[in-house]
Amino acid sequence: AKSLAGIQSIIQHGGKRKGKANILLIGEGISTAAVEEVCRKIREKGFELKYVTLTKDQYEQMTKMGLYSGEKEVIV
């Protein structure tokens, strides 16, 4: 997914669970259609992936508000 245009960073949000992950895609101009295609391919392999796309400023503001507190791991 890092190779998709506009993605600057990928953060796994929440605890690790077998077969599931929640990720935050941080960047500008991220194509939802392209992300959906990647997610479809991942789902076909039996892995459930939920995502949110945010700009860096949106992510920073939401973090300051406590909306993305908890366990996080920077993937890329």
N, C-alpha and C. Protein backbone atom coordinates (compact mmCIF):
# COMPACT_ATOMS: atom_id res chain seq x y z
N ALA A 1 0.82 -1.20 0.00
CA ALA A 1 0.00 0.00 0.00
C ALA A 1 0.86 1.26 0.00
N LYS A 2 2.06 1.18 0.54
CA LYS A 2 2.94 2.35 0.58
C LYS A 2 3.22 2.88 -0.82
N SER A 3 3.17 2.02 -1.81
CA SER A 3 3.46 2.45 -3.17
C SER A 3 2.31 3.25 -3.79
N LEU A 4 1.14 3.29 -3.14
CA LEU A 4 0.02 4.06 -3.66
C LEU A 4 0.33 5.55 -3.55
N ALA A 5 -0.02 6.29 -4.56
CA ALA A 5 0.26 7.72 -4.60
C ALA A 5 -0.38 8.44 -3.41
N GLY A 6 0.41 9.32 -2.81
CA GLY A 6 -0.10 10.16 -1.74
C GLY A 6 0.10 9.65 -0.33
N ILE A 7 0.39 8.36 -0.16
CA ILE A 7 0.54 7.81 1.19
C ILE A 7 1.94 8.14 1.72
N GLN A 8 1.95 8.84 2.85
CA GLN A 8 3.21 9.20 3.49
C GLN A 8 3.55 8.24 4.63
N SER A 9 2.52 7.72 5.28
CA SER A 9 2.76 6.83 6.41
C SER A 9 1.54 5.94 6.63
N ILE A 10 1.80 4.77 7.20
CA ILE A 10 0.73 3.82 7.53
C ILE A 10 0.91 3.46 8.99
N ILE A 11 -0.17 3.60 9.76
CA ILE A 11 -0.13 3.33 11.19
C ILE A 11 -1.19 2.29 11.54
N GLN A 12 -0.75 1.22 12.20
CA GLN A 12 -1.72 0.24 12.69
C GLN A 12 -2.26 0.78 14.01
N HIS A 13 -3.57 0.84 14.12
CA HIS A 13 -4.21 1.41 15.30
C HIS A 13 -4.97 0.32 16.03
N GLY A 14 -4.78 0.26 17.34
CA GLY A 14 -5.46 -0.75 18.15
C GLY A 14 -4.58 -1.97 18.32
N GLY A 15 -5.04 -2.84 19.17
CA GLY A 15 -4.27 -4.04 19.46
C GLY A 15 -4.20 -4.99 18.28
N LYS A 16 -3.20 -5.85 18.33
CA LYS A 16 -3.05 -6.86 17.27
C LYS A 16 -4.06 -7.97 17.50
N ARG A 17 -4.72 -8.34 16.41
CA ARG A 17 -5.69 -9.43 16.46
C ARG A 17 -5.45 -10.34 15.26
N LYS A 18 -5.62 -11.60 15.49
CA LYS A 18 -5.39 -12.56 14.41
C LYS A 18 -6.41 -12.34 13.29
N GLY A 19 -5.91 -12.13 12.08
CA GLY A 19 -6.75 -12.01 10.90
C GLY A 19 -7.44 -10.67 10.72
N LYS A 20 -7.13 -9.68 11.55
CA LYS A 20 -7.78 -8.38 11.45
C LYS A 20 -6.79 -7.27 11.78
N ALA A 21 -7.01 -6.10 11.17
CA ALA A 21 -6.20 -4.93 11.51
C ALA A 21 -6.97 -3.66 11.15
N ASN A 22 -6.72 -2.63 11.93
CA ASN A 22 -7.22 -1.29 11.65
C ASN A 22 -6.01 -0.43 11.34
N ILE A 23 -6.05 0.27 10.21
CA ILE A 23 -4.91 1.10 9.84
C ILE A 23 -5.35 2.52 9.52
N LEU A 24 -4.42 3.44 9.74
CA LEU A 24 -4.60 4.84 9.38
C LEU A 24 -3.64 5.11 8.23
N LEU A 25 -4.16 5.62 7.14
CA LEU A 25 -3.34 5.98 5.99
C LEU A 25 -3.18 7.49 6.01
N ILE A 26 -1.97 7.96 6.21
CA ILE A 26 -1.70 9.38 6.34
C ILE A 26 -1.06 9.89 5.06
N GLY A 27 -1.63 10.96 4.51
CA GLY A 27 -1.06 11.54 3.30
C GLY A 27 -2.01 12.50 2.63
N GLU A 28 -1.69 12.88 1.42
CA GLU A 28 -2.47 13.84 0.63
C GLU A 28 -2.92 13.20 -0.67
N GLY A 29 -4.16 13.41 -1.04
CA GLY A 29 -4.66 12.94 -2.34
C GLY A 29 -4.66 11.44 -2.50
N ILE A 30 -4.92 10.70 -1.43
CA ILE A 30 -4.92 9.24 -1.49
C ILE A 30 -6.18 8.78 -2.24
N SER A 31 -6.00 7.94 -3.22
CA SER A 31 -7.12 7.42 -4.02
C SER A 31 -7.85 6.32 -3.25
N THR A 32 -9.09 6.61 -2.88
CA THR A 32 -9.89 5.63 -2.17
C THR A 32 -10.12 4.38 -3.03
N ALA A 33 -10.29 4.58 -4.33
CA ALA A 33 -10.51 3.44 -5.23
C ALA A 33 -9.30 2.51 -5.22
N ALA A 34 -8.10 3.09 -5.25
CA ALA A 34 -6.89 2.27 -5.24
C ALA A 34 -6.74 1.54 -3.91
N VAL A 35 -7.05 2.22 -2.81
CA VAL A 35 -6.97 1.58 -1.49
C VAL A 35 -7.99 0.45 -1.41
N GLU A 36 -9.19 0.67 -1.89
CA GLU A 36 -10.22 -0.37 -1.87
C GLU A 36 -9.78 -1.60 -2.66
N GLU A 37 -9.10 -1.39 -3.76
CA GLU A 37 -8.61 -2.52 -4.57
C GLU A 37 -7.58 -3.33 -3.79
N VAL A 38 -6.66 -2.65 -3.11
CA VAL A 38 -5.68 -3.35 -2.28
C VAL A 38 -6.40 -4.12 -1.16
N CYS A 39 -7.37 -3.48 -0.51
CA CYS A 39 -8.11 -4.13 0.57
C CYS A 39 -8.88 -5.35 0.07
N ARG A 40 -9.44 -5.26 -1.14
CA ARG A 40 -10.16 -6.39 -1.72
C ARG A 40 -9.23 -7.59 -1.89
N LYS A 41 -8.03 -7.33 -2.39
CA LYS A 41 -7.06 -8.41 -2.57
C LYS A 41 -6.65 -9.02 -1.23
N ILE A 42 -6.52 -8.19 -0.22
CA ILE A 42 -6.17 -8.68 1.12
C ILE A 42 -7.31 -9.51 1.69
N ARG A 43 -8.55 -9.04 1.51
CA ARG A 43 -9.72 -9.80 2.00
C ARG A 43 -9.82 -11.18 1.34
N GLU A 44 -9.45 -11.25 0.06
CA GLU A 44 -9.48 -12.53 -0.66
C GLU A 44 -8.54 -13.54 -0.02
N LYS A 45 -7.53 -13.06 0.68
CA LYS A 45 -6.56 -13.94 1.36
C LYS A 45 -6.99 -14.25 2.79
N GLY A 46 -8.21 -13.78 3.17
CA GLY A 46 -8.74 -14.11 4.48
C GLY A 46 -8.36 -13.16 5.60
N PHE A 47 -7.93 -11.96 5.26
CA PHE A 47 -7.53 -10.98 6.27
C PHE A 47 -8.46 -9.78 6.19
N GLU A 48 -9.04 -9.39 7.32
CA GLU A 48 -9.95 -8.25 7.36
C GLU A 48 -9.17 -6.98 7.69
N LEU A 49 -9.27 -5.99 6.81
CA LEU A 49 -8.54 -4.75 6.97
C LEU A 49 -9.50 -3.57 6.91
N LYS A 50 -9.52 -2.78 7.96
CA LYS A 50 -10.33 -1.56 8.00
C LYS A 50 -9.36 -0.39 8.01
N TYR A 51 -9.72 0.69 7.31
CA TYR A 51 -8.81 1.81 7.19
C TYR A 51 -9.54 3.15 7.23
N VAL A 52 -8.77 4.19 7.54
CA VAL A 52 -9.22 5.57 7.47
C VAL A 52 -8.10 6.35 6.79
N THR A 53 -8.45 7.23 5.86
CA THR A 53 -7.44 8.09 5.24
C THR A 53 -7.52 9.48 5.88
N LEU A 54 -6.37 10.03 6.21
CA LEU A 54 -6.29 11.33 6.85
C LEU A 54 -5.09 12.09 6.30
N THR A 55 -5.20 13.42 6.27
CA THR A 55 -4.01 14.22 5.98
C THR A 55 -3.17 14.24 7.25
N LYS A 56 -1.92 14.64 7.12
CA LYS A 56 -1.05 14.70 8.29
C LYS A 56 -1.62 15.67 9.33
N ASP A 57 -2.12 16.82 8.87
CA ASP A 57 -2.71 17.80 9.80
C ASP A 57 -3.93 17.25 10.51
N GLN A 58 -4.80 16.55 9.78
CA GLN A 58 -5.99 15.94 10.39
C GLN A 58 -5.58 14.93 11.47
N TYR A 59 -4.60 14.09 11.13
CA TYR A 59 -4.14 13.09 12.09
C TYR A 59 -3.57 13.76 13.35
N GLU A 60 -2.75 14.77 13.16
CA GLU A 60 -2.16 15.46 14.31
C GLU A 60 -3.23 16.11 15.19
N GLN A 61 -4.21 16.75 14.57
CA GLN A 61 -5.29 17.39 15.34
C GLN A 61 -6.13 16.35 16.09
N MET A 62 -6.45 15.26 15.43
CA MET A 62 -7.26 14.22 16.06
C MET A 62 -6.49 13.54 17.19
N THR A 63 -5.18 13.40 17.02
CA THR A 63 -4.35 12.83 18.08
C THR A 63 -4.34 13.75 19.29
N LYS A 64 -4.21 15.05 19.06
CA LYS A 64 -4.23 16.03 20.15
C LYS A 64 -5.56 15.99 20.90
N MET A 65 -6.63 15.67 20.19
CA MET A 65 -7.96 15.59 20.81
C MET A 65 -8.18 14.26 21.52
N GLY A 66 -7.23 13.36 21.39
CA GLY A 66 -7.34 12.06 22.06
C GLY A 66 -8.11 11.02 21.28
N LEU A 67 -8.42 11.30 20.01
CA LEU A 67 -9.22 10.36 19.23
C LEU A 67 -8.44 9.13 18.77
N TYR A 68 -7.14 9.25 18.67
CA TYR A 68 -6.33 8.11 18.27
C TYR A 68 -5.33 7.76 19.36
N SER A 69 -5.84 7.76 20.58
CA SER A 69 -4.99 7.31 21.70
C SER A 69 -5.00 5.79 21.71
N GLY A 70 -4.22 5.22 22.53
CA GLY A 70 -4.16 3.77 22.60
C GLY A 70 -3.00 3.22 21.81
N GLU A 71 -3.03 1.94 21.62
CA GLU A 71 -1.91 1.23 20.99
C GLU A 71 -1.80 1.59 19.50
N LYS A 72 -0.59 1.98 19.08
CA LYS A 72 -0.30 2.31 17.68
C LYS A 72 1.06 1.76 17.31
N GLU A 73 1.17 1.38 16.05
CA GLU A 73 2.47 0.93 15.54
C GLU A 73 2.65 1.50 14.14
N VAL A 74 3.71 2.24 13.94
CA VAL A 74 4.00 2.79 12.61
C VAL A 74 4.53 1.66 11.76
N ILE A 75 3.84 1.39 10.68
CA ILE A 75 4.23 0.30 9.77
C ILE A 75 5.19 0.84 8.72
N VAL A 76 4.86 1.99 8.18
CA VAL A 76 5.70 2.64 7.14
C VAL A 76 5.74 4.11 7.43
